[in-house]
Amino acid sequence: MNLDPHEKSENPSFEGSKFREEVFSKAVRAGKRTYFFDVKATRKNEYYLTITESKKRSDNSGNLFFEKHKIFLYKEDFEKFSEGLADILSYIRENQPALDPNDDNDGSSYEEFSNIDFDDLNH
């Protein structure tokens, strides 16, 4: 059962589950997206991280909703995840083509990219 941090207070089944209250949280707003970094603890008081990407969307009727994607990262994977992220960010910083200063795109729009369904990836 994956619960949104903001739903747990309204969800009576949360009490007694294997999860505890969040230990630490940080929200990062980035353009049309918000990223939530939440440190949680298991019953054995082992910390793990959830990273949630939230985007405001509208359906065909114009009703607004939040599309969310969540990653669970456990302590045994912290080091490899951190190394992989540092490597890829370094690569991007070193190899990103310079943007044309006359281009109206300030780099904050990703409209030219298609949405990727993680089930489509072959890893």
Protein backbone atom coordinates (compact mmCIF):
# COMPACT_ATOMS: atom_id res chain seq x y z
CA MET A 1 0.00 0.00 0.00
CA ASN A 2 1.53 3.30 -1.12
CA LEU A 3 0.17 6.26 0.80
CA ASP A 4 0.69 9.87 -0.05
CA PRO A 5 2.14 11.68 3.00
CA HIS A 6 -0.80 14.07 2.96
CA GLU A 7 -3.38 11.25 2.88
CA LYS A 8 -2.25 9.34 5.95
CA SER A 9 -3.94 11.59 8.50
CA GLU A 10 -7.26 10.99 6.73
CA ASN A 11 -6.69 7.26 6.27
CA PRO A 12 -7.53 5.21 9.38
CA SER A 13 -5.88 2.09 7.91
CA PHE A 14 -2.53 3.90 8.11
CA GLU A 15 -2.43 3.34 11.89
CA GLY A 16 -0.82 0.02 12.65
CA SER A 17 0.76 -0.33 9.23
CA LYS A 18 4.44 -1.13 8.84
CA PHE A 19 5.21 2.57 8.24
CA ARG A 20 5.68 5.32 10.80
CA GLU A 21 5.35 9.05 10.66
CA GLU A 22 7.79 10.83 8.41
CA VAL A 23 11.14 11.58 10.01
CA PHE A 24 12.02 14.48 7.70
CA SER A 25 10.51 16.01 4.55
CA LYS A 26 11.58 18.50 1.93
CA ALA A 27 9.48 19.81 -0.95
CA VAL A 28 11.20 21.28 -4.02
CA ARG A 29 9.14 23.23 -6.51
CA ALA A 30 10.59 23.14 -10.00
CA GLY A 31 8.47 24.71 -12.71
CA LYS A 32 5.28 22.71 -13.21
CA ARG A 33 6.53 19.91 -10.98
CA THR A 34 7.00 19.50 -7.25
CA TYR A 35 9.39 16.92 -5.85
CA PHE A 36 8.85 15.59 -2.34
CA PHE A 37 11.79 13.99 -0.53
CA ASP A 38 10.48 12.12 2.51
CA VAL A 39 12.59 10.22 5.04
CA LYS A 40 10.51 7.50 6.71
CA ALA A 41 11.23 4.70 9.14
CA THR A 42 10.21 1.06 9.27
CA ARG A 43 9.04 -0.59 12.50
CA LYS A 44 12.67 -1.52 13.09
CA ASN A 45 13.48 2.20 12.84
CA GLU A 46 15.45 1.76 9.61
CA TYR A 47 15.29 4.86 7.46
CA TYR A 48 14.35 4.86 3.79
CA LEU A 49 13.63 7.61 1.29
CA THR A 50 10.64 8.19 -0.92
CA ILE A 51 10.95 10.58 -3.83
CA THR A 52 7.63 11.72 -5.28
CA GLU A 53 7.19 13.74 -8.45
CA SER A 54 3.85 15.55 -8.56
CA LYS A 55 2.48 17.34 -11.63
CA LYS A 56 -0.81 19.20 -11.91
CA ARG A 57 -2.82 17.90 -14.87
CA SER A 58 -6.30 18.28 -16.26
CA ASP A 59 -8.49 15.65 -17.85
CA ASN A 60 -10.57 16.12 -20.99
CA SER A 61 -13.37 17.69 -18.92
CA GLY A 62 -11.00 20.28 -17.46
CA ASN A 63 -10.96 18.73 -13.98
CA LEU A 64 -7.62 19.24 -12.25
CA PHE A 65 -5.74 16.39 -10.59
CA PHE A 66 -2.20 15.60 -9.51
CA GLU A 67 -0.29 12.91 -11.37
CA LYS A 68 2.26 11.33 -9.03
CA HIS A 69 5.21 9.03 -9.50
CA LYS A 70 7.00 7.59 -6.50
CA ILE A 71 10.39 5.94 -5.97
CA PHE A 72 11.28 4.05 -2.80
CA LEU A 73 14.99 4.09 -2.03
CA TYR A 74 16.29 1.82 0.73
CA LYS A 75 19.50 2.28 2.72
CA GLU A 76 21.35 -0.55 0.99
CA ASP A 77 20.95 1.37 -2.29
CA PHE A 78 21.80 4.90 -1.06
CA GLU A 79 25.47 4.81 -2.08
CA LYS A 80 24.97 3.38 -5.59
CA PHE A 81 22.02 5.67 -6.25
CA SER A 82 24.01 8.70 -5.07
CA GLU A 83 27.01 7.76 -7.21
CA GLY A 84 24.84 7.18 -10.27
CA LEU A 85 23.04 10.49 -9.81
CA ALA A 86 26.32 12.39 -9.33
CA ASP A 87 27.78 10.75 -12.46
CA ILE A 88 24.80 11.60 -14.64
CA LEU A 89 24.57 15.20 -13.36
CA SER A 90 28.28 15.67 -14.00
CA TYR A 91 27.87 14.30 -17.53
CA ILE A 92 24.99 16.68 -18.25
CA ARG A 93 26.88 19.70 -16.89
CA GLU A 94 29.96 18.87 -18.98
CA ASN A 95 28.18 17.86 -22.20
CA GLN A 96 25.01 19.95 -22.40
CA PRO A 97 25.11 21.98 -25.59
CA ALA A 98 25.06 25.73 -24.95
CA LEU A 99 21.64 27.27 -25.41
CA ASP A 100 21.19 29.95 -28.04
CA PRO A 101 20.73 33.25 -26.15
CA ASN A 102 18.25 34.38 -28.84
CA ASP A 103 16.08 31.34 -28.23
CA ASP A 104 12.93 32.08 -26.22
CA ASN A 105 13.25 28.73 -24.44
CA ASP A 106 14.78 29.38 -21.02
CA GLY A 107 15.41 25.68 -20.42
CA SER A 108 12.51 25.37 -17.99
CA SER A 109 10.09 23.90 -20.52
CA TYR A 110 10.21 20.25 -21.44
CA GLU A 111 7.25 20.31 -23.79
CA GLU A 112 9.37 18.95 -26.65
CA PHE A 113 9.95 15.70 -24.76
CA SER A 114 7.44 12.89 -24.68
CA ASN A 115 6.27 11.24 -21.49
CA ILE A 116 8.08 8.01 -20.73
CA ASP A 117 6.27 5.07 -19.20
CA PHE A 118 8.81 3.33 -16.96
CA ASP A 119 7.24 -0.03 -17.91
CA ASP A 120 8.52 0.63 -21.46
CA LEU A 121 12.17 0.74 -20.36
CA ASN A 122 14.22 -2.40 -20.81
CA HIS A 123 16.29 -2.17 -17.60
